[in-house]
PDB file of N, CA and C in Angstrom:
ATOM      1  N   UNK A   1     -27.523 -14.252  -7.206  1.00  0.00           N
ATOM      2  CA  UNK A   1     -26.405 -14.184  -6.754  1.00  0.00           C
ATOM      3  C   UNK A   1     -26.794 -15.043  -5.321  1.00  0.00           C
ATOM      4  N   UNK A   2     -25.973 -15.462  -4.270  1.00  0.00           N
ATOM      5  CA  UNK A   2     -25.479 -16.129  -2.625  1.00  0.00           C
ATOM      6  C   UNK A   2     -25.482 -15.567  -2.413  1.00  0.00           C
ATOM      7  N   UNK A   3     -25.038 -14.741  -1.589  1.00  0.00           N
ATOM      8  CA  UNK A   3     -23.870 -14.563  -0.552  1.00  0.00           C
ATOM      9  C   UNK A   3     -23.051 -15.513  -0.205  1.00  0.00           C
ATOM     10  N   UNK A   4     -22.032 -15.625  -0.223  1.00  0.00           N
ATOM     11  CA  UNK A   4     -20.771 -15.245   0.118  1.00  0.00           C
ATOM     12  C   UNK A   4     -21.111 -16.108   1.820  1.00  0.00           C
ATOM     13  N   UNK A   5     -20.596 -17.013   2.169  1.00  0.00           N
ATOM     14  CA  UNK A   5     -20.262 -17.753   3.790  1.00  0.00           C
ATOM     15  C   UNK A   5     -18.910 -17.238   4.154  1.00  0.00           C
ATOM     16  N   UNK A   6     -19.565 -17.514   5.691  1.00  0.00           N
ATOM     17  CA  UNK A   6     -17.938 -17.092   6.398  1.00  0.00           C
ATOM     18  C   UNK A   6     -16.207 -17.938   6.074  1.00  0.00           C
ATOM     19  N   UNK A   7     -16.403 -18.717   5.592  1.00  0.00           N
ATOM     20  CA  UNK A   7     -15.082 -20.208   5.178  1.00  0.00           C
ATOM     21  C   UNK A   7     -14.509 -19.149   3.878  1.00  0.00           C
ATOM     22  N   UNK A   8     -15.644 -19.067   3.139  1.00  0.00           N
ATOM     23  CA  UNK A   8     -15.472 -17.664   1.417  1.00  0.00           C
ATOM     24  C   UNK A   8     -14.491 -17.066   1.739  1.00  0.00           C
ATOM     25  N   UNK A   9     -15.118 -15.552   2.692  1.00  0.00           N
ATOM     26  CA  UNK A   9     -14.854 -14.752   3.039  1.00  0.00           C
ATOM     27  C   UNK A   9     -13.118 -14.617   3.727  1.00  0.00           C
ATOM     28  N   UNK A  10     -13.090 -15.786   4.174  1.00  0.00           N
ATOM     29  CA  UNK A  10     -12.182 -15.718   5.693  1.00  0.00           C
ATOM     30  C   UNK A  10     -10.325 -15.322   4.284  1.00  0.00           C
ATOM     31  N   UNK A  11     -10.107 -16.262   3.426  1.00  0.00           N
ATOM     32  CA  UNK A  11      -9.211 -15.975   2.484  1.00  0.00           C
ATOM     33  C   UNK A  11      -9.074 -14.845   2.390  1.00  0.00           C
ATOM     34  N   UNK A  12     -10.376 -13.494   1.636  1.00  0.00           N
ATOM     35  CA  UNK A  12     -10.654 -12.201   0.925  1.00  0.00           C
ATOM     36  C   UNK A  12     -10.396 -11.038   1.533  1.00  0.00           C
ATOM     37  N   UNK A  13     -10.797 -12.047   2.241  1.00  0.00           N
ATOM     38  CA  UNK A  13     -10.732 -10.877   3.720  1.00  0.00           C
ATOM     39  C   UNK A  13      -8.964 -10.274   4.759  1.00  0.00           C
ATOM     40  N   UNK A  14      -8.165 -11.534   4.405  1.00  0.00           N
ATOM     41  CA  UNK A  14      -6.407 -11.681   4.451  1.00  0.00           C
ATOM     42  C   UNK A  14      -6.160 -11.160   3.311  1.00  0.00           C
ATOM     43  N   UNK A  15      -6.442 -11.261   1.978  1.00  0.00           N
ATOM     44  CA  UNK A  15      -5.961 -10.907   0.830  1.00  0.00           C
ATOM     45  C   UNK A  15      -6.572  -9.348   0.853  1.00  0.00           C
ATOM     46  N   UNK A  16      -7.524  -9.118   0.816  1.00  0.00           N
ATOM     47  CA  UNK A  16      -8.090  -7.582   1.334  1.00  0.00           C
ATOM     48  C   UNK A  16      -7.091  -6.709   2.723  1.00  0.00           C
ATOM     49  N   UNK A  17      -6.592  -7.347   3.441  1.00  0.00           N
ATOM     50  CA  UNK A  17      -5.641  -6.920   4.325  1.00  0.00           C
ATOM     51  C   UNK A  17      -4.065  -6.564   3.667  1.00  0.00           C
ATOM     52  N   UNK A  18      -3.830  -7.575   3.412  1.00  0.00           N
ATOM     53  CA  UNK A  18      -2.022  -8.056   2.831  1.00  0.00           C
ATOM     54  C   UNK A  18      -2.362  -5.642   1.391  1.00  0.00           C
ATOM     55  N   UNK A  19      -3.196  -6.334   1.131  1.00  0.00           N
ATOM     56  CA  UNK A  19      -3.082  -5.313  -0.682  1.00  0.00           C
ATOM     57  C   UNK A  19      -3.485  -3.617   0.379  1.00  0.00           C
ATOM     58  N   UNK A  20      -3.563  -3.850   1.599  1.00  0.00           N
ATOM     59  CA  UNK A  20      -3.739  -2.282   2.478  1.00  0.00           C
ATOM     60  C   UNK A  20      -2.800  -1.660   2.955  1.00  0.00           C
ATOM     61  N   UNK A  21      -2.159  -3.684   3.389  1.00  0.00           N
ATOM     62  CA  UNK A  21      -0.738  -3.154   4.139  1.00  0.00           C
ATOM     63  C   UNK A  21       0.740  -2.572   3.132  1.00  0.00           C
ATOM     64  N   UNK A  22       0.893  -2.870   1.736  1.00  0.00           N
ATOM     65  CA  UNK A  22       1.359  -3.187   0.830  1.00  0.00           C
ATOM     66  C   UNK A  22       0.460  -1.540  -0.247  1.00  0.00           C
ATOM     67  N   UNK A  23      -0.451  -1.448  -0.212  1.00  0.00           N
ATOM     68  CA  UNK A  23      -0.748   0.149  -0.610  1.00  0.00           C
ATOM     69  C   UNK A  23      -0.170   0.952   0.647  1.00  0.00           C
ATOM     70  N   UNK A  24       0.208   1.259   1.548  1.00  0.00           N
ATOM     71  CA  UNK A  24      -0.130   1.671   2.655  1.00  0.00           C
ATOM     72  C   UNK A  24       1.592   2.052   2.614  1.00  0.00           C
ATOM     73  N   UNK A  25       2.504   1.049   2.617  1.00  0.00           N
ATOM     74  CA  UNK A  25       3.541   1.117   3.156  1.00  0.00           C
ATOM     75  C   UNK A  25       4.228   1.367   1.967  1.00  0.00           C
ATOM     76  N   UNK A  26       3.742   1.443   0.229  1.00  0.00           N
ATOM     77  CA  UNK A  26       4.117   1.640  -1.118  1.00  0.00           C
ATOM     78  C   UNK A  26       4.326   3.755  -1.315  1.00  0.00           C
ATOM     79  N   UNK A  27       2.567   3.720  -0.662  1.00  0.00           N
ATOM     80  CA  UNK A  27       2.819   5.088  -0.173  1.00  0.00           C
ATOM     81  C   UNK A  27       3.747   5.495   0.409  1.00  0.00           C
ATOM     82  N   UNK A  28       4.205   5.557   0.892  1.00  0.00           N
ATOM     83  CA  UNK A  28       5.115   5.818   2.807  1.00  0.00           C
ATOM     84  C   UNK A  28       6.687   5.941   1.411  1.00  0.00           C
ATOM     85  N   UNK A  29       6.180   4.580   1.086  1.00  0.00           N
ATOM     86  CA  UNK A  29       8.343   4.832   0.176  1.00  0.00           C
ATOM     87  C   UNK A  29       8.342   5.809  -1.132  1.00  0.00           C
ATOM     88  N   UNK A  30       6.647   5.644  -1.912  1.00  0.00           N
ATOM     89  CA  UNK A  30       6.479   7.122  -3.034  1.00  0.00           C
ATOM     90  C   UNK A  30       7.475   7.994  -2.458  1.00  0.00           C
ATOM     91  N   UNK A  31       6.703   8.307  -1.239  1.00  0.00           N
ATOM     92  CA  UNK A  31       6.678   9.652  -0.620  1.00  0.00           C
ATOM     93  C   UNK A  31       7.821   9.950  -0.571  1.00  0.00           C
ATOM     94  N   UNK A  32       8.650   8.993  -0.274  1.00  0.00           N
ATOM     95  CA  UNK A  32       9.806   9.613   0.591  1.00  0.00           C
ATOM     96  C   UNK A  32      11.030   9.486  -0.381  1.00  0.00           C
ATOM     97  N   UNK A  33      10.929   8.906  -2.061  1.00  0.00           N
ATOM     98  CA  UNK A  33      11.638   8.759  -3.454  1.00  0.00           C
ATOM     99  C   UNK A  33      11.590  10.354  -3.819  1.00  0.00           C
ATOM    100  N   UNK A  34      10.661  10.464  -3.301  1.00  0.00           N
ATOM    101  CA  UNK A  34       9.317  11.951  -4.165  1.00  0.00           C
ATOM    102  C   UNK A  34       9.947  13.563  -2.989  1.00  0.00           C
ATOM    103  N   UNK A  35      10.032  12.713  -2.196  1.00  0.00           N
ATOM    104  CA  UNK A  35      11.628  14.030  -1.211  1.00  0.00           C
ATOM    105  C   UNK A  35      12.414  13.658  -1.185  1.00  0.00           C
ATOM    106  N   UNK A  36      13.118  13.289  -1.566  1.00  0.00           N
ATOM    107  CA  UNK A  36      14.834  13.216  -1.973  1.00  0.00           C
ATOM    108  C   UNK A  36      15.366  13.451  -3.594  1.00  0.00           C
ATOM    109  N   UNK A  37      13.828  13.207  -4.494  1.00  0.00           N
ATOM    110  CA  UNK A  37      14.878  13.705  -5.725  1.00  0.00           C
ATOM    111  C   UNK A  37      14.326  14.846  -5.603  1.00  0.00           C
ATOM    112  N   UNK A  38      13.028  15.636  -4.522  1.00  0.00           N
ATOM    113  CA  UNK A  38      13.174  17.273  -4.570  1.00  0.00           C
ATOM    114  C   UNK A  38      14.106  17.989  -4.277  1.00  0.00           C
ATOM    115  N   UNK A  39      14.980  16.611  -2.889  1.00  0.00           N
ATOM    116  CA  UNK A  39      16.309  16.915  -1.939  1.00  0.00           C
ATOM    117  C   UNK A  39      17.509  17.253  -3.629  1.00  0.00           C
ATOM    118  N   UNK A  40      17.490  16.039  -3.705  1.00  0.00           N
ATOM    119  CA  UNK A  40      18.585  15.949  -5.569  1.00  0.00           C
ATOM    120  C   UNK A  40      18.652  17.533  -6.491  1.00  0.00           C
ATOM    121  N   UNK A  41      16.801  17.577  -7.084  1.00  0.00           N
ATOM    122  CA  UNK A  41      16.730  18.251  -7.822  1.00  0.00           C
ATOM    123  C   UNK A  41      17.175  19.840  -6.814  1.00  0.00           C
ATOM    124  N   UNK A  42      16.815  20.513  -6.446  1.00  0.00           N
ATOM    125  CA  UNK A  42      17.535  21.616  -5.144  1.00  0.00           C
ATOM    126  C   UNK A  42      18.481  21.425  -5.212  1.00  0.00           C
ATOM    127  N   UNK A  43      19.099  20.526  -5.499  1.00  0.00           N
ATOM    128  CA  UNK A  43      20.840  21.118  -4.690  1.00  0.00           C
ATOM    129  C   UNK A  43      20.843  21.231  -3.105  1.00  0.00           C
ATOM    130  N   UNK A  44      19.987  20.913  -2.937  1.00  0.00           N
ATOM    131  CA  UNK A  44      21.081  21.383  -0.940  1.00  0.00           C
ATOM    132  C   UNK A  44      22.152  20.354  -1.095  1.00  0.00           C
ATOM    133  N   UNK A  45      22.784  21.102  -0.512  1.00  0.00           N
ATOM    134  CA  UNK A  45      24.663  20.575   0.008  1.00  0.00           C
ATOM    135  C   UNK A  45      24.607  20.083   1.611  1.00  0.00           C
TER     136      UNK A  45
END
């Protein structure tokens, strides 16, 4: 199977970086939501 040339790789690299960015920010948002839920459950006033 031939390797992809540079022209074929540019869209894939761009998509890869977009997915990594979404995962990074998604993880931060999930942690913040989790901390908020723990704060609600703990009954903090």
